[in-house]
């Protein structure tokens, strides 16, 4: 189980890193003007115990729908996780960041 968790987190990071590297070449606002503040807010919320870690949300989605994460981030009080299913469909999951409950998607 721990190995699967490590693989999922590594896959999420690998999916995010190429986009971040190319975003730096395109300019500081290519991910949105407030992306850095949102990232800091999410990190602080997880550290304080107020928010569910995004890695846990991704694990939960992976158990429900085989596939991989395309993009994920905090939007207001929710996480938005863009997911590519094993059969090629794209699903946008909206997940309550405080409870981890899936609000929509899948």
PDB file of N, CA and C in Angstrom:
ATOM      1  N   UNK A   1       0.827  -1.194   0.000  1.00  0.00           N
ATOM      2  CA  UNK A   1       0.000   0.000   0.000  1.00  0.00           C
ATOM      3  C   UNK A   1       0.869   1.254   0.000  1.00  0.00           C
ATOM      4  N   UNK A   2       1.954   1.222   0.817  1.00  0.00           N
ATOM      5  CA  UNK A   2       2.843   2.377   0.889  1.00  0.00           C
ATOM      6  C   UNK A   2       3.538   2.597  -0.456  1.00  0.00           C
ATOM      7  N   UNK A   3       3.890   1.506  -1.154  1.00  0.00           N
ATOM      8  CA  UNK A   3       4.528   1.617  -2.461  1.00  0.00           C
ATOM      9  C   UNK A   3       3.603   2.289  -3.457  1.00  0.00           C
ATOM     10  N   UNK A   4       2.327   1.938  -3.427  1.00  0.00           N
ATOM     11  CA  UNK A   4       1.354   2.560  -4.330  1.00  0.00           C
ATOM     12  C   UNK A   4       1.256   4.050  -4.036  1.00  0.00           C
ATOM     13  N   UNK A   5       1.243   4.404  -2.769  1.00  0.00           N
ATOM     14  CA  UNK A   5       1.169   5.823  -2.381  1.00  0.00           C
ATOM     15  C   UNK A   5       2.378   6.586  -2.921  1.00  0.00           C
ATOM     16  N   UNK A   6       3.569   6.002  -2.788  1.00  0.00           N
ATOM     17  CA  UNK A   6       4.788   6.652  -3.282  1.00  0.00           C
ATOM     18  C   UNK A   6       4.727   6.810  -4.794  1.00  0.00           C
ATOM     19  N   UNK A   7       4.245   5.808  -5.487  1.00  0.00           N
ATOM     20  CA  UNK A   7       4.134   5.871  -6.946  1.00  0.00           C
ATOM     21  C   UNK A   7       3.148   6.951  -7.365  1.00  0.00           C
ATOM     22  N   UNK A   8       2.001   7.037  -6.677  1.00  0.00           N
ATOM     23  CA  UNK A   8       1.002   8.049  -7.021  1.00  0.00           C
ATOM     24  C   UNK A   8       1.526   9.456  -6.781  1.00  0.00           C
ATOM     25  N   UNK A   9       2.205   9.657  -5.676  1.00  0.00           N
ATOM     26  CA  UNK A   9       2.752  10.986  -5.391  1.00  0.00           C
ATOM     27  C   UNK A   9       3.830  11.330  -6.408  1.00  0.00           C
ATOM     28  N   UNK A  10       4.684  10.363  -6.731  1.00  0.00           N
ATOM     29  CA  UNK A  10       5.724  10.600  -7.735  1.00  0.00           C
ATOM     30  C   UNK A  10       5.113  10.922  -9.096  1.00  0.00           C
ATOM     31  N   UNK A  11       4.046  10.218  -9.451  1.00  0.00           N
ATOM     32  CA  UNK A  11       3.382  10.490 -10.735  1.00  0.00           C
ATOM     33  C   UNK A  11       2.773  11.886 -10.748  1.00  0.00           C
ATOM     34  N   UNK A  12       2.176  12.283  -9.625  1.00  0.00           N
ATOM     35  CA  UNK A  12       1.594  13.628  -9.543  1.00  0.00           C
ATOM     36  C   UNK A  12       2.670  14.688  -9.677  1.00  0.00           C
ATOM     37  N   UNK A  13       3.797  14.474  -9.028  1.00  0.00           N
ATOM     38  CA  UNK A  13       4.890  15.441  -9.126  1.00  0.00           C
ATOM     39  C   UNK A  13       5.481  15.461 -10.529  1.00  0.00           C
ATOM     40  N   UNK A  14       5.651  14.298 -11.133  1.00  0.00           N
ATOM     41  CA  UNK A  14       6.209  14.239 -12.484  1.00  0.00           C
ATOM     42  C   UNK A  14       5.297  14.933 -13.487  1.00  0.00           C
ATOM     43  N   UNK A  15       3.995  14.802 -13.292  1.00  0.00           N
ATOM     44  CA  UNK A  15       3.050  15.466 -14.195  1.00  0.00           C
ATOM     45  C   UNK A  15       3.097  16.972 -14.029  1.00  0.00           C
ATOM     46  N   UNK A  16       3.361  17.424 -12.809  1.00  0.00           N
ATOM     47  CA  UNK A  16       3.373  18.864 -12.545  1.00  0.00           C
ATOM     48  C   UNK A  16       4.677  19.523 -12.952  1.00  0.00           C
ATOM     49  N   UNK A  17       5.791  18.841 -12.829  1.00  0.00           N
ATOM     50  CA  UNK A  17       7.091  19.467 -13.074  1.00  0.00           C
ATOM     51  C   UNK A  17       7.322  19.921 -14.510  1.00  0.00           C
ATOM     52  N   UNK A  18       7.013  19.111 -15.538  1.00  0.00           N
ATOM     53  CA  UNK A  18       7.254  19.603 -16.897  1.00  0.00           C
ATOM     54  C   UNK A  18       6.474  20.874 -17.201  1.00  0.00           C
ATOM     55  N   UNK A  19       5.245  20.970 -16.745  1.00  0.00           N
ATOM     56  CA  UNK A  19       4.443  22.168 -16.971  1.00  0.00           C
ATOM     57  C   UNK A  19       5.022  23.374 -16.257  1.00  0.00           C
ATOM     58  N   UNK A  20       5.519  23.152 -15.058  1.00  0.00           N
ATOM     59  CA  UNK A  20       6.101  24.252 -14.301  1.00  0.00           C
ATOM     60  C   UNK A  20       7.374  24.738 -14.967  1.00  0.00           C
ATOM     61  N   UNK A  21       8.185  23.825 -15.490  1.00  0.00           N
ATOM     62  CA  UNK A  21       9.421  24.230 -16.150  1.00  0.00           C
ATOM     63  C   UNK A  21       9.135  25.034 -17.406  1.00  0.00           C
ATOM     64  N   UNK A  22       8.173  24.595 -18.208  1.00  0.00           N
ATOM     65  CA  UNK A  22       7.855  25.341 -19.426  1.00  0.00           C
ATOM     66  C   UNK A  22       7.156  26.651 -19.090  1.00  0.00           C
ATOM     67  N   UNK A  23       6.421  26.685 -17.959  1.00  0.00           N
ATOM     68  CA  UNK A  23       5.760  27.923 -17.550  1.00  0.00           C
ATOM     69  C   UNK A  23       6.786  28.992 -17.212  1.00  0.00           C
ATOM     70  N   UNK A  24       7.910  28.587 -16.649  1.00  0.00           N
ATOM     71  CA  UNK A  24       8.936  29.559 -16.318  1.00  0.00           C
ATOM     72  C   UNK A  24       9.506  30.179 -17.585  1.00  0.00           C
ATOM     73  N   UNK A  25       9.580  29.444 -18.649  1.00  0.00           N
ATOM     74  CA  UNK A  25      10.083  29.994 -19.912  1.00  0.00           C
ATOM     75  C   UNK A  25       9.084  30.941 -20.554  1.00  0.00           C
ATOM     76  N   UNK A  26       7.777  30.731 -20.320  1.00  0.00           N
ATOM     77  CA  UNK A  26       6.754  31.560 -20.953  1.00  0.00           C
ATOM     78  C   UNK A  26       6.525  32.870 -20.222  1.00  0.00           C
ATOM     79  N   UNK A  27       6.851  32.925 -18.961  1.00  0.00           N
ATOM     80  CA  UNK A  27       6.642  34.148 -18.215  1.00  0.00           C
ATOM     81  C   UNK A  27       6.062  33.863 -16.847  1.00  0.00           C
ATOM     82  N   UNK A  28       6.113  34.839 -15.946  1.00  0.00           N
ATOM     83  CA  UNK A  28       5.716  34.607 -14.564  1.00  0.00           C
ATOM     84  C   UNK A  28       4.226  34.376 -14.353  1.00  0.00           C
ATOM     85  N   UNK A  29       3.362  34.828 -15.261  1.00  0.00           N
ATOM     86  CA  UNK A  29       1.926  34.720 -15.044  1.00  0.00           C
ATOM     87  C   UNK A  29       1.271  33.616 -15.867  1.00  0.00           C
ATOM     88  N   UNK A  30       2.044  32.715 -16.433  1.00  0.00           N
ATOM     89  CA  UNK A  30       1.466  31.697 -17.304  1.00  0.00           C
ATOM     90  C   UNK A  30       0.580  30.716 -16.544  1.00  0.00           C
ATOM     91  N   UNK A  31       0.768  30.569 -15.247  1.00  0.00           N
ATOM     92  CA  UNK A  31      -0.086  29.694 -14.442  1.00  0.00           C
ATOM     93  C   UNK A  31      -1.173  30.472 -13.731  1.00  0.00           C
ATOM     94  N   UNK A  32      -1.259  31.754 -14.004  1.00  0.00           N
ATOM     95  CA  UNK A  32      -2.208  32.628 -13.319  1.00  0.00           C
ATOM     96  C   UNK A  32      -1.442  33.526 -12.371  1.00  0.00           C
ATOM     97  N   UNK A  33      -1.904  34.716 -12.221  1.00  0.00           N
ATOM     98  CA  UNK A  33      -1.188  35.713 -11.437  1.00  0.00           C
ATOM     99  C   UNK A  33      -1.047  35.317  -9.969  1.00  0.00           C
ATOM    100  N   UNK A  34      -1.988  34.522  -9.450  1.00  0.00           N
ATOM    101  CA  UNK A  34      -1.952  34.209  -8.021  1.00  0.00           C
ATOM    102  C   UNK A  34      -1.610  32.757  -7.705  1.00  0.00           C
ATOM    103  N   UNK A  35      -0.984  32.050  -8.650  1.00  0.00           N
ATOM    104  CA  UNK A  35      -0.718  30.631  -8.431  1.00  0.00           C
ATOM    105  C   UNK A  35       0.213  30.390  -7.258  1.00  0.00           C
ATOM    106  N   UNK A  36       1.202  31.244  -7.079  1.00  0.00           N
ATOM    107  CA  UNK A  36       2.150  31.047  -5.988  1.00  0.00           C
ATOM    108  C   UNK A  36       1.454  31.241  -4.630  1.00  0.00           C
ATOM    109  N   UNK A  37       0.587  32.232  -4.533  1.00  0.00           N
ATOM    110  CA  UNK A  37      -0.156  32.476  -3.291  1.00  0.00           C
ATOM    111  C   UNK A  37      -1.084  31.300  -2.983  1.00  0.00           C
ATOM    112  N   UNK A  38      -1.716  30.730  -4.016  1.00  0.00           N
ATOM    113  CA  UNK A  38      -2.599  29.578  -3.813  1.00  0.00           C
ATOM    114  C   UNK A  38      -1.807  28.376  -3.317  1.00  0.00           C
ATOM    115  N   UNK A  39      -0.613  28.190  -3.875  1.00  0.00           N
ATOM    116  CA  UNK A  39       0.238  27.083  -3.450  1.00  0.00           C
ATOM    117  C   UNK A  39       0.641  27.258  -1.980  1.00  0.00           C
ATOM    118  N   UNK A  40       1.013  28.479  -1.609  1.00  0.00           N
ATOM    119  CA  UNK A  40       1.390  28.750  -0.223  1.00  0.00           C
ATOM    120  C   UNK A  40       0.200  28.548   0.725  1.00  0.00           C
ATOM    121  N   UNK A  41      -0.988  28.964   0.290  1.00  0.00           N
ATOM    122  CA  UNK A  41      -2.197  28.788   1.097  1.00  0.00           C
ATOM    123  C   UNK A  41      -2.491  27.306   1.324  1.00  0.00           C
ATOM    124  N   UNK A  42      -2.375  26.516   0.274  1.00  0.00           N
ATOM    125  CA  UNK A  42      -2.635  25.080   0.385  1.00  0.00           C
ATOM    126  C   UNK A  42      -1.617  24.431   1.317  1.00  0.00           C
ATOM    127  N   UNK A  43      -0.360  24.764   1.147  1.00  0.00           N
ATOM    128  CA  UNK A  43       0.684  24.189   2.002  1.00  0.00           C
ATOM    129  C   UNK A  43       0.428  24.541   3.471  1.00  0.00           C
ATOM    130  N   UNK A  44       0.117  25.798   3.738  1.00  0.00           N
ATOM    131  CA  UNK A  44      -0.163  26.220   5.110  1.00  0.00           C
ATOM    132  C   UNK A  44      -1.383  25.532   5.692  1.00  0.00           C
ATOM    133  N   UNK A  45      -2.413  25.367   4.876  1.00  0.00           N
ATOM    134  CA  UNK A  45      -3.633  24.691   5.331  1.00  0.00           C
ATOM    135  C   UNK A  45      -3.394  23.243   5.689  1.00  0.00           C
ATOM    136  N   UNK A  46      -2.563  22.558   4.908  1.00  0.00           N
ATOM    137  CA  UNK A  46      -2.248  21.156   5.196  1.00  0.00           C
ATOM    138  C   UNK A  46      -1.393  21.074   6.463  1.00  0.00           C
ATOM    139  N   UNK A  47      -0.401  21.947   6.571  1.00  0.00           N
ATOM    140  CA  UNK A  47       0.481  21.925   7.746  1.00  0.00           C
ATOM    141  C   UNK A  47      -0.284  22.212   9.031  1.00  0.00           C
ATOM    142  N   UNK A  48      -1.295  23.068   8.955  1.00  0.00           N
ATOM    143  CA  UNK A  48      -2.081  23.392  10.151  1.00  0.00           C
ATOM    144  C   UNK A  48      -3.168  22.351  10.434  1.00  0.00           C
ATOM    145  N   UNK A  49      -3.373  21.428   9.515  1.00  0.00           N
ATOM    146  CA  UNK A  49      -4.403  20.412   9.689  1.00  0.00           C
ATOM    147  C   UNK A  49      -5.781  20.853   9.234  1.00  0.00           C
ATOM    148  N   UNK A  50      -5.870  22.051   8.666  1.00  0.00           N
ATOM    149  CA  UNK A  50      -7.162  22.576   8.207  1.00  0.00           C
ATOM    150  C   UNK A  50      -7.584  21.938   6.883  1.00  0.00           C
ATOM    151  N   UNK A  51      -6.608  21.591   6.024  1.00  0.00           N
ATOM    152  CA  UNK A  51      -6.913  21.008   4.715  1.00  0.00           C
ATOM    153  C   UNK A  51      -6.371  19.596   4.603  1.00  0.00           C
ATOM    154  N   UNK A  52      -7.074  18.769   3.845  1.00  0.00           N
ATOM    155  CA  UNK A  52      -6.647  17.415   3.528  1.00  0.00           C
ATOM    156  C   UNK A  52      -5.496  17.523   2.524  1.00  0.00           C
ATOM    157  N   UNK A  53      -4.429  16.745   2.693  1.00  0.00           N
ATOM    158  CA  UNK A  53      -3.340  16.788   1.713  1.00  0.00           C
ATOM    159  C   UNK A  53      -3.832  16.384   0.325  1.00  0.00           C
ATOM    160  N   UNK A  54      -3.358  17.089  -0.682  1.00  0.00           N
ATOM    161  CA  UNK A  54      -3.740  16.789  -2.059  1.00  0.00           C
ATOM    162  C   UNK A  54      -3.341  15.370  -2.433  1.00  0.00           C
ATOM    163  N   UNK A  55      -2.237  14.876  -1.905  1.00  0.00           N
ATOM    164  CA  UNK A  55      -1.818  13.503  -2.207  1.00  0.00           C
ATOM    165  C   UNK A  55      -2.874  12.495  -1.764  1.00  0.00           C
ATOM    166  N   UNK A  56      -3.530  12.749  -0.648  1.00  0.00           N
ATOM    167  CA  UNK A  56      -4.589  11.851  -0.164  1.00  0.00           C
ATOM    168  C   UNK A  56      -5.798  11.902  -1.096  1.00  0.00           C
ATOM    169  N   UNK A  57      -6.113  13.091  -1.588  1.00  0.00           N
ATOM    170  CA  UNK A  57      -7.224  13.247  -2.530  1.00  0.00           C
ATOM    171  C   UNK A  57      -6.924  12.479  -3.815  1.00  0.00           C
ATOM    172  N   UNK A  58      -5.701  12.597  -4.308  1.00  0.00           N
ATOM    173  CA  UNK A  58      -5.315  11.898  -5.539  1.00  0.00           C
ATOM    174  C   UNK A  58      -5.381  10.388  -5.342  1.00  0.00           C
ATOM    175  N   UNK A  59      -4.938   9.899  -4.191  1.00  0.00           N
ATOM    176  CA  UNK A  59      -5.039   8.460  -3.896  1.00  0.00           C
ATOM    177  C   UNK A  59      -6.490   7.997  -3.919  1.00  0.00           C
ATOM    178  N   UNK A  60      -7.371   8.785  -3.324  1.00  0.00           N
ATOM    179  CA  UNK A  60      -8.795   8.440  -3.256  1.00  0.00           C
ATOM    180  C   UNK A  60      -9.387   8.362  -4.670  1.00  0.00           C
ATOM    181  N   UNK A  61      -9.053   9.334  -5.505  1.00  0.00           N
ATOM    182  CA  UNK A  61      -9.565   9.331  -6.878  1.00  0.00           C
ATOM    183  C   UNK A  61      -9.017   8.133  -7.641  1.00  0.00           C
ATOM    184  N   UNK A  62      -7.744   7.822  -7.455  1.00  0.00           N
ATOM    185  CA  UNK A  62      -7.131   6.687  -8.158  1.00  0.00           C
ATOM    186  C   UNK A  62      -7.785   5.372  -7.784  1.00  0.00           C
ATOM    187  N   UNK A  63      -8.237   5.236  -6.542  1.00  0.00           N
ATOM    188  CA  UNK A  63      -8.948   4.016  -6.139  1.00  0.00           C
ATOM    189  C   UNK A  63     -10.306   3.916  -6.824  1.00  0.00           C
ATOM    190  N   UNK A  64     -10.934   5.065  -7.077  1.00  0.00           N
ATOM    191  CA  UNK A  64     -12.269   5.078  -7.711  1.00  0.00           C
ATOM    192  C   UNK A  64     -12.201   4.927  -9.213  1.00  0.00           C
ATOM    193  N   UNK A  65     -11.232   5.630  -9.828  1.00  0.00           N
ATOM    194  CA  UNK A  65     -11.164   5.699 -11.292  1.00  0.00           C
ATOM    195  C   UNK A  65      -9.711   5.480 -11.729  1.00  0.00           C
ATOM    196  N   UNK A  66      -9.417   4.346 -12.329  1.00  0.00           N
ATOM    197  CA  UNK A  66      -8.042   4.129 -12.795  1.00  0.00           C
ATOM    198  C   UNK A  66      -7.624   5.212 -13.794  1.00  0.00           C
ATOM    199  N   UNK A  67      -6.414   5.689 -13.649  1.00  0.00           N
ATOM    200  CA  UNK A  67      -5.905   6.717 -14.549  1.00  0.00           C
ATOM    201  C   UNK A  67      -4.773   7.482 -13.901  1.00  0.00           C
ATOM    202  N   UNK A  68      -4.625   8.746 -14.307  1.00  0.00           N
ATOM    203  CA  UNK A  68      -3.532   9.558 -13.762  1.00  0.00           C
ATOM    204  C   UNK A  68      -3.954  11.018 -13.679  1.00  0.00           C
ATOM    205  N   UNK A  69      -3.284  11.733 -12.795  1.00  0.00           N
ATOM    206  CA  UNK A  69      -3.564  13.146 -12.605  1.00  0.00           C
ATOM    207  C   UNK A  69      -2.935  13.945 -13.749  1.00  0.00           C
ATOM    208  N   UNK A  70      -3.696  14.882 -14.288  1.00  0.00           N
ATOM    209  CA  UNK A  70      -3.181  15.796 -15.303  1.00  0.00           C
ATOM    210  C   UNK A  70      -2.756  17.117 -14.675  1.00  0.00           C
ATOM    211  N   UNK A  71      -3.559  17.569 -13.722  1.00  0.00           N
ATOM    212  CA  UNK A  71      -3.344  18.867 -13.097  1.00  0.00           C
ATOM    213  C   UNK A  71      -4.155  18.879 -11.810  1.00  0.00           C
ATOM    214  N   UNK A  72      -3.660  19.560 -10.813  1.00  0.00           N
ATOM    215  CA  UNK A  72      -4.394  19.640  -9.553  1.00  0.00           C
ATOM    216  C   UNK A  72      -4.003  20.911  -8.826  1.00  0.00           C
ATOM    217  N   UNK A  73      -4.965  21.487  -8.125  1.00  0.00           N
ATOM    218  CA  UNK A  73      -4.664  22.681  -7.354  1.00  0.00           C
ATOM    219  C   UNK A  73      -5.846  23.132  -6.533  1.00  0.00           C
ATOM    220  N   UNK A  74      -5.564  24.092  -5.674  1.00  0.00           N
ATOM    221  CA  UNK A  74      -6.578  24.651  -4.797  1.00  0.00           C
ATOM    222  C   UNK A  74      -7.294  25.783  -5.516  1.00  0.00           C
ATOM    223  N   UNK A  75      -8.625  25.733  -5.502  1.00  0.00           N
ATOM    224  CA  UNK A  75      -9.457  26.798  -6.064  1.00  0.00           C
ATOM    225  C   UNK A  75     -10.472  27.184  -5.007  1.00  0.00           C
ATOM    226  N   UNK A  76     -10.218  28.272  -4.327  1.00  0.00           N
ATOM    227  CA  UNK A  76     -11.104  28.675  -3.240  1.00  0.00           C
ATOM    228  C   UNK A  76     -11.020  27.681  -2.100  1.00  0.00           C
ATOM    229  N   UNK A  77     -12.153  27.084  -1.736  1.00  0.00           N
ATOM    230  CA  UNK A  77     -12.192  26.093  -0.650  1.00  0.00           C
ATOM    231  C   UNK A  77     -12.126  24.666  -1.171  1.00  0.00           C
ATOM    232  N   UNK A  78     -11.919  24.506  -2.465  1.00  0.00           N
ATOM    233  CA  UNK A  78     -11.938  23.179  -3.079  1.00  0.00           C
ATOM    234  C   UNK A  78     -10.652  22.897  -3.845  1.00  0.00           C
ATOM    235  N   UNK A  79     -10.368  21.599  -3.976  1.00  0.00           N
ATOM    236  CA  UNK A  79      -9.333  21.166  -4.905  1.00  0.00           C
ATOM    237  C   UNK A  79     -10.013  20.867  -6.231  1.00  0.00           C
ATOM    238  N   UNK A  80      -9.361  21.218  -7.323  1.00  0.00           N
ATOM    239  CA  UNK A  80      -9.785  20.776  -8.653  1.00  0.00           C
ATOM    240  C   UNK A  80      -8.699  19.819  -9.135  1.00  0.00           C
ATOM    241  N   UNK A  81      -9.107  18.598  -9.482  1.00  0.00           N
ATOM    242  CA  UNK A  81      -8.174  17.594  -9.973  1.00  0.00           C
ATOM    243  C   UNK A  81      -8.619  17.192 -11.367  1.00  0.00           C
ATOM    244  N   UNK A  82      -7.788  17.494 -12.345  1.00  0.00           N
ATOM    245  CA  UNK A  82      -8.062  17.068 -13.725  1.00  0.00           C
ATOM    246  C   UNK A  82      -7.426  15.702 -13.889  1.00  0.00           C
ATOM    247  N   UNK A  83      -8.238  14.754 -14.315  1.00  0.00           N
ATOM    248  CA  UNK A  83      -7.858  13.345 -14.305  1.00  0.00           C
ATOM    249  C   UNK A  83      -8.004  12.754 -15.695  1.00  0.00           C
ATOM    250  N   UNK A  84      -7.013  11.990 -16.133  1.00  0.00           N
ATOM    251  CA  UNK A  84      -7.099  11.237 -17.388  1.00  0.00           C
ATOM    252  C   UNK A  84      -7.385   9.787 -17.027  1.00  0.00           C
ATOM    253  N   UNK A  85      -8.508   9.267 -17.495  1.00  0.00           N
ATOM    254  CA  UNK A  85      -8.878   7.889 -17.185  1.00  0.00           C
ATOM    255  C   UNK A  85      -8.057   6.932 -18.035  1.00  0.00           C
ATOM    256  N   UNK A  86      -8.044   5.676 -17.626  1.00  0.00           N
ATOM    257  CA  UNK A  86      -7.298   4.649 -18.355  1.00  0.00           C
ATOM    258  C   UNK A  86      -7.810   4.490 -19.781  1.00  0.00           C
ATOM    259  N   UNK A  87      -9.092   4.811 -20.012  1.00  0.00           N
ATOM    260  CA  UNK A  87      -9.651   4.674 -21.362  1.00  0.00           C
ATOM    261  C   UNK A  87      -9.605   5.992 -22.149  1.00  0.00           C
ATOM    262  N   UNK A  88      -8.885   7.010 -21.627  1.00  0.00           N
ATOM    263  CA  UNK A  88      -8.652   8.228 -22.400  1.00  0.00           C
ATOM    264  C   UNK A  88      -9.598   9.388 -22.143  1.00  0.00           C
ATOM    265  N   UNK A  89     -10.566   9.223 -21.266  1.00  0.00           N
ATOM    266  CA  UNK A  89     -11.469  10.337 -20.962  1.00  0.00           C
ATOM    267  C   UNK A  89     -10.808  11.294 -19.973  1.00  0.00           C
ATOM    268  N   UNK A  90     -11.285  12.538 -19.939  1.00  0.00           N
ATOM    269  CA  UNK A  90     -10.822  13.510 -18.947  1.00  0.00           C
ATOM    270  C   UNK A  90     -11.982  13.836 -18.020  1.00  0.00           C
ATOM    271  N   UNK A  91     -11.708  13.780 -16.720  1.00  0.00           N
ATOM    272  CA  UNK A  91     -12.707  14.096 -15.716  1.00  0.00           C
ATOM    273  C   UNK A  91     -12.139  15.189 -14.811  1.00  0.00           C
ATOM    274  N   UNK A  92     -12.933  16.205 -14.561  1.00  0.00           N
ATOM    275  CA  UNK A  92     -12.563  17.238 -13.596  1.00  0.00           C
ATOM    276  C   UNK A  92     -13.277  16.930 -12.286  1.00  0.00           C
ATOM    277  N   UNK A  93     -12.505  16.599 -11.262  1.00  0.00           N
ATOM    278  CA  UNK A  93     -13.058  16.347  -9.935  1.00  0.00           C
ATOM    279  C   UNK A  93     -12.974  17.631  -9.124  1.00  0.00           C
ATOM    280  N   UNK A  94     -14.035  17.958  -8.429  1.00  0.00           N
ATOM    281  CA  UNK A  94     -14.046  19.046  -7.460  1.00  0.00           C
ATOM    282  C   UNK A  94     -14.178  18.368  -6.099  1.00  0.00           C
ATOM    283  N   UNK A  95     -13.217  18.655  -5.216  1.00  0.00           N
ATOM    284  CA  UNK A  95     -13.150  17.979  -3.924  1.00  0.00           C
ATOM    285  C   UNK A  95     -13.060  19.030  -2.821  1.00  0.00           C
ATOM    286  N   UNK A  96     -13.889  18.888  -1.804  1.00  0.00           N
ATOM    287  CA  UNK A  96     -13.838  19.793  -0.660  1.00  0.00           C
ATOM    288  C   UNK A  96     -12.469  19.628   0.007  1.00  0.00           C
ATOM    289  N   UNK A  97     -11.690  20.699   0.056  1.00  0.00           N
ATOM    290  CA  UNK A  97     -10.320  20.632   0.566  1.00  0.00           C
ATOM    291  C   UNK A  97     -10.266  20.418   2.078  1.00  0.00           C
ATOM    292  N   UNK A  98     -11.339  20.732   2.787  1.00  0.00           N
ATOM    293  CA  UNK A  98     -11.351  20.556   4.238  1.00  0.00           C
ATOM    294  C   UNK A  98     -11.754  19.149   4.655  1.00  0.00           C
ATOM    295  N   UNK A  99     -12.673  18.538   3.893  1.00  0.00           N
ATOM    296  CA  UNK A  99     -13.177  17.207   4.275  1.00  0.00           C
ATOM    297  C   UNK A  99     -12.645  16.089   3.389  1.00  0.00           C
ATOM    298  N   UNK A 100     -12.214  16.410   2.174  1.00  0.00           N
ATOM    299  CA  UNK A 100     -11.790  15.393   1.227  1.00  0.00           C
ATOM    300  C   UNK A 100     -12.933  14.762   0.471  1.00  0.00           C
ATOM    301  N   UNK A 101     -14.145  15.244   0.673  1.00  0.00           N
ATOM    302  CA  UNK A 101     -15.327  14.679   0.005  1.00  0.00           C
ATOM    303  C   UNK A 101     -15.387  15.148  -1.449  1.00  0.00           C
ATOM    304  N   UNK A 102     -15.627  14.213  -2.368  1.00  0.00           N
ATOM    305  CA  UNK A 102     -15.791  14.570  -3.773  1.00  0.00           C
ATOM    306  C   UNK A 102     -17.143  15.239  -3.938  1.00  0.00           C
ATOM    307  N   UNK A 103     -17.120  16.458  -4.492  1.00  0.00           N
ATOM    308  CA  UNK A 103     -18.335  17.220  -4.712  1.00  0.00           C
ATOM    309  C   UNK A 103     -18.903  16.929  -6.093  1.00  0.00           C
ATOM    310  N   UNK A 104     -18.021  16.853  -7.082  1.00  0.00           N
ATOM    311  CA  UNK A 104     -18.477  16.522  -8.436  1.00  0.00           C
ATOM    312  C   UNK A 104     -17.337  15.850  -9.197  1.00  0.00           C
ATOM    313  N   UNK A 105     -17.734  15.151 -10.260  1.00  0.00           N
ATOM    314  CA  UNK A 105     -16.778  14.409 -11.089  1.00  0.00           C
ATOM    315  C   UNK A 105     -16.930  12.931 -10.852  1.00  0.00           C
ATOM    316  N   UNK A 106     -16.473  12.173 -11.834  1.00  0.00           N
ATOM    317  CA  UNK A 106     -16.479  10.728 -11.701  1.00  0.00           C
ATOM    318  C   UNK A 106     -17.827  10.167 -11.551  1.00  0.00           C
TER     319      UNK A 106
END
